[in-house]
Amino acid sequence: MSDTPMIKEDPPAYRHPPYQGGQGGSRTKSIFNLIETTYLGLSNG
């Protein structure tokens, strides 16, 4: 489990998700909403 150098870097996007922070989250939230809608559409269709 120590063989994870990529996870060791801890990207900012993974460190603090947009849905957790309130700073400039409206823009990211919109993108997330779009992705969610697309995923839902793909799942339904």
PDB file of N, CA and C in Angstrom:
ATOM      1  N   MET A   1       0.842  -1.198   0.000  1.00  0.00           N
ATOM      2  CA  MET A   1       0.000   0.000   0.000  1.00  0.00           C
ATOM      3  C   MET A   1       0.884   1.257   0.000  1.00  0.00           C
ATOM      4  N   SER A   2       2.202   1.043   0.095  1.00  0.00           N
ATOM      5  CA  SER A   2       3.135   2.178   0.114  1.00  0.00           C
ATOM      6  C   SER A   2       3.550   2.543  -1.307  1.00  0.00           C
ATOM      7  N   ASP A   3       3.079   1.775  -2.283  1.00  0.00           N
ATOM      8  CA  ASP A   3       3.448   2.026  -3.671  1.00  0.00           C
ATOM      9  C   ASP A   3       2.440   2.969  -4.339  1.00  0.00           C
ATOM     10  N   THR A   4       2.270   4.151  -3.779  1.00  0.00           N
ATOM     11  CA  THR A   4       1.317   5.103  -4.344  1.00  0.00           C
ATOM     12  C   THR A   4       1.925   6.505  -4.392  1.00  0.00           C
ATOM     13  N   PRO A   5       2.896   6.709  -5.300  1.00  0.00           N
ATOM     14  CA  PRO A   5       3.548   8.028  -5.416  1.00  0.00           C
ATOM     15  C   PRO A   5       2.618   9.076  -6.008  1.00  0.00           C
ATOM     16  N   MET A   6       1.697   8.642  -6.862  1.00  0.00           N
ATOM     17  CA  MET A   6       0.761   9.578  -7.496  1.00  0.00           C
ATOM     18  C   MET A   6      -0.200  10.151  -6.457  1.00  0.00           C
ATOM     19  N   ILE A   7      -0.670   9.292  -5.559  1.00  0.00           N
ATOM     20  CA  ILE A   7      -1.604   9.738  -4.525  1.00  0.00           C
ATOM     21  C   ILE A   7      -0.865  10.574  -3.479  1.00  0.00           C
ATOM     22  N   LYS A   8       0.455  10.345  -3.403  1.00  0.00           N
ATOM     23  CA  LYS A   8       1.263  11.075  -2.414  1.00  0.00           C
ATOM     24  C   LYS A   8       1.276  12.574  -2.720  1.00  0.00           C
ATOM     25  N   GLU A   9       1.152  12.910  -4.000  1.00  0.00           N
ATOM     26  CA  GLU A   9       1.189  14.317  -4.400  1.00  0.00           C
ATOM     27  C   GLU A   9      -0.055  15.066  -3.917  1.00  0.00           C
ATOM     28  N   ASP A  10      -1.175  14.362  -3.857  1.00  0.00           N
ATOM     29  CA  ASP A  10      -2.411  14.973  -3.371  1.00  0.00           C
ATOM     30  C   ASP A  10      -2.748  16.259  -4.123  1.00  0.00           C
ATOM     31  N   PRO A  11      -3.386  16.140  -5.273  1.00  0.00           N
ATOM     32  CA  PRO A  11      -3.776  17.327  -6.046  1.00  0.00           C
ATOM     33  C   PRO A  11      -4.768  18.194  -5.269  1.00  0.00           C
ATOM     34  N   PRO A  12      -4.782  19.494  -5.536  1.00  0.00           N
ATOM     35  CA  PRO A  12      -5.685  20.414  -4.829  1.00  0.00           C
ATOM     36  C   PRO A  12      -7.153  20.085  -5.082  1.00  0.00           C
ATOM     37  N   ALA A  13      -7.451  19.613  -6.285  1.00  0.00           N
ATOM     38  CA  ALA A  13      -8.843  19.292  -6.620  1.00  0.00           C
ATOM     39  C   ALA A  13      -9.350  18.147  -5.736  1.00  0.00           C
ATOM     40  N   TYR A  14      -8.440  17.248  -5.368  1.00  0.00           N
ATOM     41  CA  TYR A  14      -8.836  16.115  -4.536  1.00  0.00           C
ATOM     42  C   TYR A  14      -8.766  16.472  -3.051  1.00  0.00           C
ATOM     43  N   ARG A  15      -7.847  17.406  -2.727  1.00  0.00           N
ATOM     44  CA  ARG A  15      -7.656  17.780  -1.323  1.00  0.00           C
ATOM     45  C   ARG A  15      -8.900  18.467  -0.757  1.00  0.00           C
ATOM     46  N   HIS A  16      -9.413  19.456  -1.494  1.00  0.00           N
ATOM     47  CA  HIS A  16     -10.616  20.144  -1.018  1.00  0.00           C
ATOM     48  C   HIS A  16     -11.603  20.282  -2.170  1.00  0.00           C
ATOM     49  N   PRO A  17     -12.562  19.345  -2.235  1.00  0.00           N
ATOM     50  CA  PRO A  17     -13.579  19.330  -3.285  1.00  0.00           C
ATOM     51  C   PRO A  17     -14.363  20.632  -3.327  1.00  0.00           C
ATOM     52  N   PRO A  18     -14.947  20.963  -4.487  1.00  0.00           N
ATOM     53  CA  PRO A  18     -15.728  22.194  -4.653  1.00  0.00           C
ATOM     54  C   PRO A  18     -16.993  22.204  -3.806  1.00  0.00           C
ATOM     55  N   TYR A  19     -17.582  21.022  -3.619  1.00  0.00           N
ATOM     56  CA  TYR A  19     -18.837  20.963  -2.859  1.00  0.00           C
ATOM     57  C   TYR A  19     -18.599  21.111  -1.363  1.00  0.00           C
ATOM     58  N   GLN A  20     -17.328  21.187  -0.974  1.00  0.00           N
ATOM     59  CA  GLN A  20     -17.015  21.327   0.449  1.00  0.00           C
ATOM     60  C   GLN A  20     -16.643  22.773   0.780  1.00  0.00           C
ATOM     61  N   GLY A  21     -16.028  23.458  -0.189  1.00  0.00           N
ATOM     62  CA  GLY A  21     -15.606  24.841   0.032  1.00  0.00           C
ATOM     63  C   GLY A  21     -16.597  25.817  -0.578  1.00  0.00           C
ATOM     64  N   GLY A  22     -16.657  27.022  -0.027  1.00  0.00           N
ATOM     65  CA  GLY A  22     -17.603  28.024  -0.526  1.00  0.00           C
ATOM     66  C   GLY A  22     -16.905  29.077  -1.371  1.00  0.00           C
ATOM     67  N   GLN A  23     -15.579  28.985  -1.499  1.00  0.00           N
ATOM     68  CA  GLN A  23     -14.832  29.980  -2.278  1.00  0.00           C
ATOM     69  C   GLN A  23     -14.924  29.661  -3.767  1.00  0.00           C
ATOM     70  N   GLY A  24     -15.553  30.533  -4.537  1.00  0.00           N
ATOM     71  CA  GLY A  24     -15.659  30.326  -5.984  1.00  0.00           C
ATOM     72  C   GLY A  24     -16.158  28.934  -6.292  1.00  0.00           C
ATOM     73  N   GLY A  25     -17.180  28.492  -5.577  1.00  0.00           N
ATOM     74  CA  GLY A  25     -17.702  27.145  -5.775  1.00  0.00           C
ATOM     75  C   GLY A  25     -18.845  27.129  -6.771  1.00  0.00           C
ATOM     76  N   SER A  26     -19.398  28.308  -7.066  1.00  0.00           N
ATOM     77  CA  SER A  26     -20.540  28.372  -7.975  1.00  0.00           C
ATOM     78  C   SER A  26     -20.129  27.919  -9.375  1.00  0.00           C
ATOM     79  N   ARG A  27     -18.935  28.336  -9.793  1.00  0.00           N
ATOM     80  CA  ARG A  27     -18.471  27.963 -11.131  1.00  0.00           C
ATOM     81  C   ARG A  27     -18.196  26.463 -11.186  1.00  0.00           C
ATOM     82  N   THR A  28     -17.463  25.972 -10.210  1.00  0.00           N
ATOM     83  CA  THR A  28     -17.141  24.550 -10.171  1.00  0.00           C
ATOM     84  C   THR A  28     -18.414  23.741  -9.988  1.00  0.00           C
ATOM     85  N   LYS A  29     -19.347  24.288  -9.216  1.00  0.00           N
ATOM     86  CA  LYS A  29     -20.603  23.585  -8.965  1.00  0.00           C
ATOM     87  C   LYS A  29     -21.353  23.411 -10.282  1.00  0.00           C
ATOM     88  N   SER A  30     -21.307  24.443 -11.113  1.00  0.00           N
ATOM     89  CA  SER A  30     -21.981  24.385 -12.406  1.00  0.00           C
ATOM     90  C   SER A  30     -21.386  23.265 -13.251  1.00  0.00           C
ATOM     91  N   ILE A  31     -20.063  23.184 -13.246  1.00  0.00           N
ATOM     92  CA  ILE A  31     -19.383  22.139 -14.023  1.00  0.00           C
ATOM     93  C   ILE A  31     -19.757  20.766 -13.473  1.00  0.00           C
ATOM     94  N   PHE A  32     -19.780  20.674 -12.140  1.00  0.00           N
ATOM     95  CA  PHE A  32     -20.122  19.400 -11.508  1.00  0.00           C
ATOM     96  C   PHE A  32     -21.549  19.004 -11.863  1.00  0.00           C
ATOM     97  N   ASN A  33     -22.440  19.998 -11.859  1.00  0.00           N
ATOM     98  CA  ASN A  33     -23.839  19.759 -12.191  1.00  0.00           C
ATOM     99  C   ASN A  33     -23.945  19.242 -13.621  1.00  0.00           C
ATOM    100  N   LEU A  34     -23.174  19.852 -14.513  1.00  0.00           N
ATOM    101  CA  LEU A  34     -23.195  19.458 -15.916  1.00  0.00           C
ATOM    102  C   LEU A  34     -22.731  18.016 -16.060  1.00  0.00           C
ATOM    103  N   ILE A  35     -21.659  17.680 -15.353  1.00  0.00           N
ATOM    104  CA  ILE A  35     -21.119  16.318 -15.409  1.00  0.00           C
ATOM    105  C   ILE A  35     -22.147  15.331 -14.857  1.00  0.00           C
ATOM    106  N   GLU A  36     -22.776  15.718 -13.746  1.00  0.00           N
ATOM    107  CA  GLU A  36     -23.765  14.836 -13.120  1.00  0.00           C
ATOM    108  C   GLU A  36     -24.930  14.602 -14.075  1.00  0.00           C
ATOM    109  N   THR A  37     -25.400  15.681 -14.704  1.00  0.00           N
ATOM    110  CA  THR A  37     -26.519  15.566 -15.639  1.00  0.00           C
ATOM    111  C   THR A  37     -26.131  14.675 -16.808  1.00  0.00           C
ATOM    112  N   THR A  38     -24.914  14.855 -17.293  1.00  0.00           N
ATOM    113  CA  THR A  38     -24.444  14.052 -18.421  1.00  0.00           C
ATOM    114  C   THR A  38     -24.378  12.582 -18.021  1.00  0.00           C
ATOM    115  N   TYR A  39     -23.876  12.333 -16.821  1.00  0.00           N
ATOM    116  CA  TYR A  39     -23.762  10.957 -16.330  1.00  0.00           C
ATOM    117  C   TYR A  39     -25.145  10.337 -16.186  1.00  0.00           C
ATOM    118  N   LEU A  40     -26.076  11.126 -15.650  1.00  0.00           N
ATOM    119  CA  LEU A  40     -27.440  10.634 -15.461  1.00  0.00           C
ATOM    120  C   LEU A  40     -28.060  10.320 -16.816  1.00  0.00           C
ATOM    121  N   GLY A  41     -27.821  11.195 -17.774  1.00  0.00           N
ATOM    122  CA  GLY A  41     -28.362  10.994 -19.116  1.00  0.00           C
ATOM    123  C   GLY A  41     -27.778   9.744 -19.750  1.00  0.00           C
ATOM    124  N   LEU A  42     -26.490   9.536 -19.565  1.00  0.00           N
ATOM    125  CA  LEU A  42     -25.843   8.357 -20.130  1.00  0.00           C
ATOM    126  C   LEU A  42     -26.356   7.095 -19.451  1.00  0.00           C
ATOM    127  N   SER A  43     -26.608   7.195 -18.158  1.00  0.00           N
ATOM    128  CA  SER A  43     -27.080   6.039 -17.391  1.00  0.00           C
ATOM    129  C   SER A  43     -28.510   5.687 -17.790  1.00  0.00           C
ATOM    130  N   ASN A  44     -29.317   6.731 -18.045  1.00  0.00           N
ATOM    131  CA  ASN A  44     -30.722   6.505 -18.381  1.00  0.00           C
ATOM    132  C   ASN A  44     -30.861   6.078 -19.835  1.00  0.00           C
ATOM    133  N   GLY A  45     -29.995   6.620 -20.694  1.00  0.00           N
ATOM    134  CA  GLY A  45     -30.132   6.345 -22.111  1.00  0.00           C
ATOM    135  C   GLY A  45     -29.193   5.265 -22.559  1.00  0.00           C
TER     136      GLY A  45
END
